[in-house]
């Protein structure tokens, strides 16, 4: 994957890559991946997806 696309991923633009490819890429860079599912706190709004770097 080219650097500009990696930069877009880090900015939250996930449409560039499938979830499977993203997980494989993170594992290849020796990163642990944690998926956390929780209820959205604000009623009337949809859920959201966030990417948090530790």
Protein backbone atom coordinates (compact mmCIF):
# COMPACT_ATOMS: atom_id res chain seq x y z
CA UNK A 1 0.00 0.00 0.00
CA UNK A 2 1.33 3.42 -0.91
CA UNK A 3 2.05 6.05 1.75
CA UNK A 4 -0.72 8.49 0.69
CA UNK A 5 -3.30 5.70 1.17
CA UNK A 6 -1.87 4.82 4.59
CA UNK A 7 -2.15 8.49 5.54
CA UNK A 8 -5.81 8.49 4.48
CA UNK A 9 -6.44 5.40 6.62
CA UNK A 10 -4.91 7.13 9.64
CA UNK A 11 -7.30 10.03 8.99
CA UNK A 12 -10.26 7.66 9.18
CA UNK A 13 -10.92 7.14 5.47
CA UNK A 14 -11.55 3.40 5.55
CA UNK A 15 -13.25 3.02 2.15
CA UNK A 16 -9.88 2.38 0.53
CA UNK A 17 -9.40 -1.08 1.99
CA UNK A 18 -11.43 -4.05 3.18
CA UNK A 19 -11.60 -4.86 6.87
CA UNK A 20 -9.76 -8.13 6.25
CA UNK A 21 -6.91 -6.37 4.43
CA UNK A 22 -6.65 -3.73 7.15
CA UNK A 23 -6.45 -6.37 9.89
CA UNK A 24 -3.78 -8.31 7.99
CA UNK A 25 -1.77 -5.13 7.40
CA UNK A 26 -1.90 -4.20 11.09
CA UNK A 27 -0.85 -7.69 12.14
CA UNK A 28 2.04 -7.58 9.64
CA UNK A 29 3.25 -4.40 11.37
CA UNK A 30 3.25 -6.21 14.72
CA UNK A 31 0.12 -4.45 15.96
CA UNK A 32 -2.48 -5.99 18.23
CA UNK A 33 -6.03 -5.41 17.01
CA UNK A 34 -8.85 -5.02 19.49
CA UNK A 35 -12.47 -4.74 18.39
CA UNK A 36 -14.73 -3.23 21.02
CA UNK A 37 -18.51 -3.10 20.63
CA UNK A 38 -20.58 -0.93 22.94
CA UNK A 39 -23.95 0.82 22.85
CA UNK A 40 -24.03 4.31 21.38
CA UNK A 41 -24.90 6.74 24.18
CA UNK A 42 -26.86 9.37 22.25
CA UNK A 43 -30.37 8.40 21.27
CA UNK A 44 -31.54 9.19 17.77
CA UNK A 45 -28.05 9.02 16.31
CA UNK A 46 -26.42 6.16 14.50
CA UNK A 47 -23.36 4.39 15.81
CA UNK A 48 -19.88 5.41 14.74
CA UNK A 49 -16.59 3.81 13.83
CA UNK A 50 -13.40 5.24 15.29
CA UNK A 51 -9.76 4.37 14.84
CA UNK A 52 -7.62 5.02 17.90
CA UNK A 53 -3.85 4.69 17.83
CA UNK A 54 -2.33 3.72 21.16
